[in-house]
Structure formats: C-alpha cells, structure tokens
N, C-alpha and C. Protein backbone atom coordinates (compact mmCIF):
# COMPACT_ATOMS: atom_id res chain seq x y z
N UNK A 1 -19.20 -16.71 -13.64
CA UNK A 1 -18.41 -18.06 -13.83
C UNK A 1 -18.30 -18.66 -12.32
N UNK A 2 -18.94 -19.70 -12.12
CA UNK A 2 -18.79 -20.28 -10.57
C UNK A 2 -17.44 -20.92 -10.43
N UNK A 3 -16.83 -20.62 -9.28
CA UNK A 3 -15.62 -21.14 -9.07
C UNK A 3 -15.81 -22.40 -8.22
N UNK A 4 -16.43 -22.42 -7.25
CA UNK A 4 -16.96 -23.51 -6.33
C UNK A 4 -18.13 -23.32 -5.43
N UNK A 5 -18.71 -24.62 -5.28
CA UNK A 5 -19.96 -24.60 -4.48
C UNK A 5 -20.08 -25.85 -3.43
N UNK A 6 -20.33 -25.51 -2.36
CA UNK A 6 -20.68 -26.87 -1.45
C UNK A 6 -21.74 -26.76 -0.68
N UNK A 7 -22.79 -27.73 -0.88
CA UNK A 7 -23.99 -27.61 -0.09
C UNK A 7 -24.08 -28.94 0.71
N UNK A 8 -24.56 -28.89 1.96
CA UNK A 8 -24.58 -29.98 2.74
C UNK A 8 -25.38 -29.69 4.02
N UNK A 9 -26.06 -30.60 4.84
CA UNK A 9 -26.70 -30.39 6.07
C UNK A 9 -25.54 -30.57 7.16
N UNK A 10 -25.65 -29.63 8.14
CA UNK A 10 -24.64 -29.77 9.10
C UNK A 10 -25.51 -29.34 10.42
N UNK A 11 -24.97 -29.66 11.65
CA UNK A 11 -25.55 -29.09 12.77
C UNK A 11 -25.25 -27.86 12.96
N UNK A 12 -25.98 -27.06 13.88
CA UNK A 12 -25.84 -25.54 14.14
C UNK A 12 -24.38 -25.43 14.69
N UNK A 13 -23.71 -26.31 15.68
CA UNK A 13 -22.57 -26.18 16.11
C UNK A 13 -21.38 -26.21 15.05
N UNK A 14 -21.58 -27.19 14.24
CA UNK A 14 -20.73 -27.12 12.91
C UNK A 14 -20.71 -25.96 12.10
N UNK A 15 -21.98 -25.57 11.85
CA UNK A 15 -22.25 -24.04 11.14
C UNK A 15 -21.28 -22.98 11.69
N UNK A 16 -21.56 -22.92 13.05
CA UNK A 16 -20.87 -22.02 13.74
C UNK A 16 -19.19 -21.93 13.80
N UNK A 17 -18.95 -23.31 13.65
CA UNK A 17 -17.38 -23.50 13.63
C UNK A 17 -16.96 -23.08 12.24
N UNK A 18 -17.72 -23.48 11.19
CA UNK A 18 -17.33 -23.22 9.87
C UNK A 18 -17.23 -21.47 9.50
N UNK A 19 -18.31 -20.98 10.14
CA UNK A 19 -18.36 -19.41 10.03
C UNK A 19 -17.23 -18.85 10.88
N UNK A 20 -16.72 -19.47 11.99
CA UNK A 20 -15.71 -18.86 12.63
C UNK A 20 -14.31 -19.17 12.06
N UNK A 21 -14.20 -20.43 11.34
CA UNK A 21 -13.00 -20.71 10.40
C UNK A 21 -12.98 -19.54 9.44
N UNK A 22 -14.10 -19.26 8.71
CA UNK A 22 -14.05 -18.29 7.62
C UNK A 22 -13.52 -16.91 8.16
N UNK A 23 -13.98 -16.60 9.23
CA UNK A 23 -13.81 -15.40 9.90
C UNK A 23 -12.18 -15.24 10.19
N UNK A 24 -11.75 -16.30 10.86
CA UNK A 24 -10.28 -16.36 11.07
C UNK A 24 -9.48 -16.11 9.79
N UNK A 25 -9.87 -16.94 8.85
CA UNK A 25 -9.06 -16.78 7.43
C UNK A 25 -9.32 -15.22 6.91
N UNK A 26 -10.33 -14.73 7.08
CA UNK A 26 -10.44 -13.33 6.58
C UNK A 26 -9.51 -12.46 7.25
N UNK A 27 -9.51 -12.62 8.75
CA UNK A 27 -8.69 -11.80 9.71
C UNK A 27 -7.22 -12.00 9.31
N UNK A 28 -6.76 -13.11 9.23
CA UNK A 28 -5.26 -13.36 9.33
C UNK A 28 -4.67 -13.11 7.94
N UNK A 29 -5.03 -13.76 7.04
CA UNK A 29 -4.47 -13.52 5.75
C UNK A 29 -5.35 -12.94 4.58
N UNK A 30 -6.46 -12.84 4.88
CA UNK A 30 -7.36 -12.25 3.90
C UNK A 30 -7.62 -13.27 2.70
N UNK A 31 -7.46 -14.71 3.07
CA UNK A 31 -7.86 -15.60 1.94
C UNK A 31 -8.80 -16.45 2.36
N UNK A 32 -9.60 -16.96 1.47
CA UNK A 32 -10.59 -18.10 1.94
C UNK A 32 -10.09 -19.18 1.20
N UNK A 33 -10.10 -20.25 2.15
CA UNK A 33 -9.78 -21.46 1.38
C UNK A 33 -10.76 -22.46 1.38
N UNK A 34 -10.82 -23.32 0.13
CA UNK A 34 -12.12 -23.92 -0.33
C UNK A 34 -11.60 -25.34 -1.03
N UNK A 35 -12.49 -26.38 -0.90
CA UNK A 35 -12.09 -27.51 -1.66
C UNK A 35 -10.64 -28.18 -1.27
N UNK A 36 -10.17 -28.75 -2.23
CA UNK A 36 -8.95 -29.66 -1.70
C UNK A 36 -7.78 -28.64 -1.75
N UNK A 37 -7.58 -27.82 -2.70
CA UNK A 37 -6.41 -26.84 -2.79
C UNK A 37 -6.77 -25.51 -3.33
N UNK A 38 -8.01 -24.99 -2.91
CA UNK A 38 -8.54 -23.64 -3.53
C UNK A 38 -8.36 -22.65 -2.56
N UNK A 39 -8.21 -21.49 -3.09
CA UNK A 39 -8.00 -20.40 -2.32
C UNK A 39 -8.48 -19.06 -3.14
N UNK A 40 -9.04 -18.16 -2.61
CA UNK A 40 -9.28 -16.84 -3.18
C UNK A 40 -8.97 -15.52 -2.05
N UNK A 41 -8.32 -14.56 -2.68
CA UNK A 41 -7.84 -13.67 -1.71
C UNK A 41 -8.93 -12.53 -1.90
N UNK A 42 -9.34 -12.16 -0.61
CA UNK A 42 -10.55 -11.14 -0.43
C UNK A 42 -9.91 -9.67 -0.39
N UNK A 43 -10.56 -8.74 -1.17
CA UNK A 43 -10.02 -7.60 -1.03
C UNK A 43 -10.28 -6.68 0.42
N UNK A 44 -9.42 -5.71 0.50
CA UNK A 44 -9.69 -5.04 1.71
C UNK A 44 -11.02 -4.33 2.10
N UNK A 45 -11.49 -4.02 0.92
CA UNK A 45 -13.10 -3.48 1.01
C UNK A 45 -14.08 -4.31 0.14
N UNK A 46 -15.12 -4.76 0.76
CA UNK A 46 -15.85 -5.57 0.19
C UNK A 46 -17.60 -4.92 0.46
N UNK A 47 -18.34 -5.48 -0.44
CA UNK A 47 -19.75 -5.17 -0.48
C UNK A 47 -20.37 -6.39 0.37
N UNK A 48 -21.06 -5.94 1.38
CA UNK A 48 -21.74 -7.45 2.25
C UNK A 48 -23.32 -6.95 2.08
N UNK A 49 -23.73 -8.29 2.14
CA UNK A 49 -25.28 -8.35 2.15
C UNK A 49 -25.86 -9.58 2.80
N UNK A 50 -26.75 -9.25 3.83
CA UNK A 50 -27.33 -10.25 4.58
C UNK A 50 -28.80 -10.30 4.31
N UNK A 51 -29.22 -11.43 3.82
CA UNK A 51 -30.57 -11.49 3.40
C UNK A 51 -31.25 -12.82 4.29
N UNK A 52 -32.55 -12.33 4.94
CA UNK A 52 -33.00 -13.47 5.70
C UNK A 52 -34.56 -13.50 5.14
N UNK A 53 -34.93 -14.49 4.62
CA UNK A 53 -36.17 -14.86 3.88
C UNK A 53 -37.04 -15.96 4.60
N UNK A 54 -38.32 -15.75 4.37
CA UNK A 54 -39.34 -16.78 4.69
C UNK A 54 -39.59 -17.58 3.48
N UNK A 55 -39.15 -18.64 3.18
CA UNK A 55 -39.37 -19.21 1.94
C UNK A 55 -40.61 -20.03 2.02
N UNK A 56 -41.10 -20.52 3.08
CA UNK A 56 -42.59 -20.93 3.07
C UNK A 56 -43.10 -20.91 4.60
N UNK A 57 -44.08 -21.43 4.85
CA UNK A 57 -44.44 -21.69 6.46
C UNK A 57 -43.56 -22.32 7.16
N UNK A 58 -42.74 -23.02 6.70
CA UNK A 58 -41.87 -24.15 7.59
C UNK A 58 -40.29 -23.70 7.24
N UNK A 59 -40.08 -22.99 6.32
CA UNK A 59 -38.54 -22.79 6.02
C UNK A 59 -38.30 -21.31 5.85
N UNK A 60 -37.08 -21.03 6.45
CA UNK A 60 -36.37 -19.86 6.61
C UNK A 60 -35.06 -19.90 6.02
N UNK A 61 -34.76 -18.89 5.16
CA UNK A 61 -33.24 -18.93 4.79
C UNK A 61 -32.37 -17.80 5.26
N UNK A 62 -31.15 -17.99 5.39
CA UNK A 62 -30.24 -16.81 5.50
C UNK A 62 -29.12 -16.70 4.72
N UNK A 63 -28.94 -15.83 3.83
CA UNK A 63 -27.79 -15.81 2.93
C UNK A 63 -26.81 -14.64 3.38
N UNK A 64 -25.49 -14.94 3.55
CA UNK A 64 -24.56 -13.79 3.66
C UNK A 64 -23.80 -13.87 2.33
N UNK A 65 -23.71 -12.67 1.66
CA UNK A 65 -22.77 -12.52 0.40
C UNK A 65 -22.00 -11.31 0.53
N UNK A 66 -20.71 -11.53 0.05
CA UNK A 66 -19.85 -10.39 -0.01
C UNK A 66 -19.29 -10.62 -1.28
N UNK A 67 -18.82 -9.18 -1.92
CA UNK A 67 -18.31 -9.42 -3.05
C UNK A 67 -17.26 -8.06 -3.22
N UNK A 68 -16.49 -8.34 -4.27
CA UNK A 68 -15.49 -7.12 -4.40
C UNK A 68 -15.09 -7.13 -6.03
N UNK A 69 -14.49 -6.13 -6.48
CA UNK A 69 -14.00 -6.20 -7.58
C UNK A 69 -12.39 -6.20 -7.48
N UNK A 70 -11.73 -6.99 -8.51
CA UNK A 70 -10.26 -6.98 -8.79
C UNK A 70 -9.81 -5.87 -9.72
N UNK A 71 -8.66 -5.43 -9.52
CA UNK A 71 -8.22 -4.66 -10.79
C UNK A 71 -7.90 -5.56 -11.99
N UNK A 72 -8.00 -5.02 -13.04
CA UNK A 72 -7.71 -5.67 -14.34
C UNK A 72 -6.11 -5.75 -14.43
N UNK A 73 -5.79 -7.24 -14.77
CA UNK A 73 -4.48 -7.43 -14.78
C UNK A 73 -3.60 -6.38 -15.75
N UNK A 74 -2.51 -6.24 -15.40
CA UNK A 74 -1.58 -5.25 -15.91
C UNK A 74 -1.00 -5.77 -17.14
N UNK A 75 -0.69 -5.37 -18.17
CA UNK A 75 -0.10 -5.97 -19.48
C UNK A 75 1.33 -5.93 -18.90
N UNK A 76 1.92 -7.30 -19.38
CA UNK A 76 3.27 -7.51 -19.04
C UNK A 76 4.19 -6.88 -19.79
N UNK A 77 5.31 -6.10 -19.32
CA UNK A 77 6.26 -5.55 -20.32
C UNK A 77 6.96 -6.30 -21.03
N UNK A 78 7.09 -5.86 -22.35
CA UNK A 78 7.86 -6.55 -23.52
C UNK A 78 9.14 -7.10 -23.04
N UNK A 79 9.36 -8.36 -23.34
CA UNK A 79 10.73 -8.76 -23.03
C UNK A 79 11.87 -8.31 -23.86
N UNK A 80 13.10 -8.20 -23.55
CA UNK A 80 14.02 -7.49 -24.34
C UNK A 80 14.03 -8.32 -25.81
N UNK A 81 14.09 -9.74 -25.98
CA UNK A 81 13.72 -10.30 -27.14
C UNK A 81 12.66 -9.95 -27.99
N UNK A 82 11.61 -9.61 -27.50
CA UNK A 82 10.10 -9.06 -28.15
C UNK A 82 10.65 -7.62 -28.65
N UNK A 83 11.24 -6.89 -27.73
CA UNK A 83 11.38 -5.54 -27.89
C UNK A 83 12.32 -5.39 -29.17
N UNK A 84 13.42 -6.16 -29.21
CA UNK A 84 14.32 -6.34 -30.39
C UNK A 84 13.69 -6.67 -31.73
N UNK A 85 12.82 -7.79 -31.70
CA UNK A 85 12.11 -8.27 -32.58
C UNK A 85 11.35 -7.19 -33.21
N UNK A 86 10.60 -6.39 -32.44
CA UNK A 86 9.55 -5.35 -32.85
C UNK A 86 10.26 -4.28 -33.50
N UNK A 87 11.48 -3.83 -32.97
CA UNK A 87 12.49 -2.78 -33.72
C UNK A 87 12.98 -3.11 -34.98
N UNK A 88 13.31 -4.53 -34.97
CA UNK A 88 13.75 -5.00 -36.58
C UNK A 88 12.53 -5.00 -37.46
N UNK A 89 11.29 -5.45 -36.89
CA UNK A 89 10.26 -5.14 -37.87
C UNK A 89 10.03 -4.03 -38.35
N UNK A 90 10.13 -2.88 -37.34
CA UNK A 90 9.69 -1.31 -37.59
C UNK A 90 10.86 -1.01 -38.63
N UNK A 91 12.17 -1.39 -38.42
CA UNK A 91 13.24 -1.17 -39.49
C UNK A 91 12.96 -1.70 -40.96
N UNK A 92 12.62 -2.85 -40.82
CA UNK A 92 12.28 -3.54 -42.12
C UNK A 92 11.10 -2.74 -42.86
N UNK A 93 10.08 -2.49 -42.25
CA UNK A 93 8.98 -1.67 -42.63
C UNK A 93 9.41 -0.44 -43.23
N UNK A 94 10.08 0.23 -42.52
CA UNK A 94 10.62 1.56 -42.92
C UNK A 94 11.58 1.56 -44.27
N UNK A 95 12.41 0.45 -44.23
CA UNK A 95 13.23 0.09 -45.42
C UNK A 95 12.31 -0.09 -46.59
N UNK A 96 11.16 -0.78 -46.55
CA UNK A 96 10.55 -1.05 -47.69
C UNK A 96 9.73 0.13 -48.14
N UNK A 97 9.41 1.02 -47.35
CA UNK A 97 8.69 2.13 -47.68
C UNK A 97 9.47 3.26 -48.48
N UNK A 98 10.75 3.09 -48.18
CA UNK A 98 11.68 4.22 -48.96
C UNK A 98 11.60 3.90 -50.36
N UNK A 99 11.76 4.91 -51.32
CA UNK A 99 11.81 4.80 -52.57
C UNK A 99 13.31 4.44 -52.97
N UNK A 100 13.72 3.86 -54.30
CA UNK A 100 15.11 3.61 -54.38
C UNK A 100 16.08 4.59 -54.23
N UNK A 101 15.68 5.84 -54.54
CA UNK A 101 16.68 7.00 -54.30
C UNK A 101 16.75 7.22 -52.76
N UNK A 102 15.89 7.04 -51.92
CA UNK A 102 15.92 7.29 -50.58
C UNK A 102 16.94 6.06 -49.82
N UNK A 103 16.98 5.05 -50.39
CA UNK A 103 17.64 3.61 -50.01
C UNK A 103 19.17 4.02 -49.80
N UNK A 104 19.75 3.65 -48.69
CA UNK A 104 21.16 3.91 -48.62
C UNK A 104 21.56 2.35 -48.48
N UNK A 105 23.00 2.12 -48.73
CA UNK A 105 23.55 0.92 -48.68
C UNK A 105 23.41 0.26 -47.21
N UNK A 106 23.21 1.22 -46.22
CA UNK A 106 22.76 0.48 -44.87
C UNK A 106 21.51 -0.02 -44.89
N UNK A 107 20.59 0.68 -45.38
CA UNK A 107 19.23 -0.04 -45.37
C UNK A 107 19.08 -1.29 -46.13
N UNK A 108 19.94 -1.41 -47.24
CA UNK A 108 19.91 -2.46 -47.91
C UNK A 108 20.38 -3.66 -47.44
N UNK A 109 21.34 -3.42 -46.45
CA UNK A 109 22.23 -4.53 -45.86
C UNK A 109 21.45 -5.31 -44.97
N UNK A 110 21.68 -6.78 -45.05
CA UNK A 110 20.75 -7.47 -44.25
C UNK A 110 21.49 -7.57 -42.81
N UNK A 111 20.57 -7.54 -41.79
CA UNK A 111 21.09 -7.46 -40.30
C UNK A 111 21.89 -8.76 -40.05
N UNK A 112 22.91 -8.71 -39.24
CA UNK A 112 23.54 -9.78 -39.02
C UNK A 112 23.10 -10.20 -37.50
N UNK A 113 23.07 -11.48 -37.24
CA UNK A 113 22.91 -12.00 -35.77
C UNK A 113 24.12 -12.24 -35.06
N UNK A 114 24.10 -11.68 -34.02
CA UNK A 114 25.46 -11.85 -32.97
C UNK A 114 25.36 -13.28 -32.45
N UNK A 115 26.34 -13.96 -32.50
CA UNK A 115 26.32 -15.46 -31.82
C UNK A 115 26.34 -15.59 -30.48
C-alpha cells in the first residue's frame, strides 16, 4: 500500500538540500516528514539498498531504498466494562448449562445493576 509519492525535476543543488533535510530528520527525531502533514517514524535498524542503473545510452538512474518492519500492534487490554460484561456472559452461560437439580436460588436470581 503506497503512502506517498512525489516526483519532480529539481536542480542538483536542490536535490542535495533535500537529501540533507532527510538525513537531518533521521538523525534528530527518526521521523521523515512528507506532504502537507504526513510523517513516518523510521526504525533504529533498517535495510538499505543503493541501486545505480544505466537505463539507456543517455539515462542513468540512482535509487536509494530503505525499509524496516514494525512490530504487530499489541491487543488492547479489556476495559473494566468489557471485562464485567464478559464475566456476566460466562455466568449466564454456566447457569444455562446446569440441570434443574444443580440450580440454586442464587443462579436463578437476576443480577441487579448498581446505580
């Protein structure tokens, strides 16, 4: 999934300034800023690739690529409301599974909600 792409023709001096700006962003905060308000945080360890190709008799290309993997997002812990609802569901399921002989007045009582 592509996040951002920008292609344009610039002077060699502007290219050098842009590369210095990227390098400065990597050194100081580890984020690369792009577009109007985008940013991506670069990992401490990255895989780097430099590719120089002769595309034709008159065209040469230089590609600089670096990539990294991000850890999978951790599952958020259940909120107390979700945990309470899960506990009530489990209690209701347990009560349904009991035979009439196993049921006690406690398990037949409807839960009351605290105000």
